[in-house]
Amino acid sequence: MRFALMHKTNPALEAGQAPDPDILIRADAVLEEMRQAGVLLTAEGLLPSKHGARITFPDGPPRVLDGPFTETKELVAGLSIIRVASRDEAIQWALRFAEVDPGTEIDILQLAD
């Protein structure tokens, strides 16, 4: 089973501030654990929304909106794709990331095969 672990952004990251170096070191350690366990397929950090765009369909043809986006609550700062045996195992790996940065929010979504 494959799962996406989507790490939500926060106002500091969205403003372009670099993450705390200690958090990056701890996150890299968790990613290395995932590599060693053979579950990590990919992991990527995302730039702030000012570098992005959004397509909407508001009663007509598509509209392209350039970032930044004012509502940051649902924006993703990082994405990991893992292959594990169960949803519970995916949750356990996500909890390891939660230990790295307390207060972070991580969505765990199963990918379609």
Protein backbone atom coordinates (compact mmCIF):
# COMPACT_ATOMS: atom_id res chain seq x y z
CA MET A 1 0.00 0.00 0.00
CA ARG A 2 1.26 3.47 -0.84
CA PHE A 3 0.52 6.53 1.25
CA ALA A 4 1.19 10.24 0.90
CA LEU A 5 2.32 11.97 4.08
CA MET A 6 1.56 15.65 3.52
CA HIS A 7 3.16 18.00 6.01
CA LYS A 8 1.19 21.24 6.37
CA THR A 9 2.94 24.57 6.15
CA ASN A 10 2.96 27.28 8.80
CA PRO A 11 3.05 31.08 8.54
CA ALA A 12 6.84 31.24 8.98
CA LEU A 13 7.54 28.76 6.18
CA GLU A 14 4.93 30.40 3.95
CA ALA A 15 6.68 33.75 4.54
CA GLY A 16 9.88 32.21 3.19
CA GLN A 17 11.72 31.69 6.47
CA ALA A 18 14.03 28.70 6.45
CA PRO A 19 13.07 25.85 8.77
CA ASP A 20 14.96 25.54 12.03
CA PRO A 21 18.22 23.69 11.21
CA ASP A 22 17.67 21.33 14.15
CA ILE A 23 14.28 20.33 12.73
CA LEU A 24 15.88 19.66 9.33
CA ILE A 25 18.53 17.45 10.93
CA ARG A 26 15.90 15.45 12.82
CA ALA A 27 13.67 15.20 9.72
CA ASP A 28 16.62 13.93 7.67
CA ALA A 29 17.23 11.29 10.35
CA VAL A 30 13.62 10.08 10.07
CA LEU A 31 13.90 10.01 6.27
CA GLU A 32 17.08 7.94 6.60
CA GLU A 33 15.23 5.53 8.92
CA MET A 34 12.53 5.24 6.24
CA ARG A 35 15.16 4.57 3.56
CA GLN A 36 16.84 1.92 5.72
CA ALA A 37 13.45 0.29 6.38
CA GLY A 38 12.77 0.27 2.63
CA VAL A 39 9.49 2.21 2.88
CA LEU A 40 10.43 5.62 1.44
CA LEU A 41 9.64 6.10 -2.25
CA THR A 42 10.22 9.86 -2.40
CA ALA A 43 10.28 12.95 -0.21
CA GLU A 44 10.13 16.56 -1.37
CA GLY A 45 9.88 19.97 0.22
CA LEU A 46 7.62 22.54 -1.44
CA LEU A 47 8.35 26.23 -1.91
CA PRO A 48 5.97 28.85 -0.46
CA SER A 49 2.75 29.45 -2.40
CA LYS A 50 4.06 32.71 -3.89
CA HIS A 51 5.90 30.43 -6.34
CA GLY A 52 2.73 28.53 -7.25
CA ALA A 53 -0.57 28.87 -9.04
CA ARG A 54 -4.10 27.57 -8.56
CA ILE A 55 -6.68 26.76 -11.21
CA THR A 56 -10.33 27.37 -10.33
CA PHE A 57 -13.56 26.88 -12.27
CA PRO A 58 -15.87 29.63 -10.98
CA ASP A 59 -18.93 29.33 -13.27
CA GLY A 60 -17.18 29.35 -16.60
CA PRO A 61 -13.77 28.79 -18.10
CA PRO A 62 -10.84 27.94 -15.86
CA ARG A 63 -9.12 30.80 -14.04
CA VAL A 64 -5.46 30.69 -13.12
CA LEU A 65 -4.65 32.44 -9.85
CA ASP A 66 -1.05 33.21 -9.04
CA GLY A 67 0.20 32.76 -5.47
CA PRO A 68 0.69 33.66 -2.77
CA PHE A 69 -2.52 32.32 -1.30
CA THR A 70 -3.92 34.03 1.78
CA GLU A 71 -5.37 30.89 3.38
CA THR A 72 -2.36 28.80 4.39
CA LYS A 73 -4.15 26.31 6.63
CA GLU A 74 -4.44 23.69 3.87
CA LEU A 75 -1.14 24.35 2.09
CA VAL A 76 1.48 21.61 2.05
CA ALA A 77 5.13 22.29 2.94
CA GLY A 78 6.44 18.80 2.29
CA LEU A 79 5.36 15.52 0.80
CA SER A 80 6.61 11.98 1.36
CA ILE A 81 5.38 8.91 -0.48
CA ILE A 82 5.84 5.63 1.36
CA ARG A 83 5.04 1.97 0.67
CA VAL A 84 3.97 0.07 3.77
CA ALA A 85 1.88 -2.97 4.69
CA SER A 86 -0.97 -1.10 6.37
CA ARG A 87 -2.60 2.20 7.23
CA ASP A 88 -1.44 1.73 10.82
CA GLU A 89 2.18 1.48 9.68
CA ALA A 90 1.76 4.69 7.65
CA ILE A 91 0.40 6.39 10.76
CA GLN A 92 3.38 5.20 12.80
CA TRP A 93 5.81 6.73 10.29
CA ALA A 94 3.84 9.98 10.28
CA LEU A 95 4.03 10.04 14.08
CA ARG A 96 7.83 9.89 13.78
CA PHE A 97 7.68 13.12 11.77
CA ALA A 98 5.32 14.64 14.34
CA GLU A 99 8.01 14.01 16.99
CA VAL A 100 10.47 16.01 14.86
CA ASP A 101 8.31 19.14 14.80
CA PRO A 102 5.67 19.17 17.56
CA GLY A 103 2.59 21.10 16.53
CA THR A 104 2.90 20.13 12.89
CA GLU A 105 -0.10 18.72 11.08
CA ILE A 106 0.33 15.76 8.74
CA ASP A 107 -2.34 14.33 6.44
CA ILE A 108 -2.02 10.62 5.67
CA LEU A 109 -3.77 9.61 2.46
CA GLN A 110 -3.68 6.26 0.70
CA LEU A 111 -2.78 6.43 -2.99
CA ALA A 112 -4.85 4.64 -5.59
CA ASP A 113 -3.10 1.72 -7.26
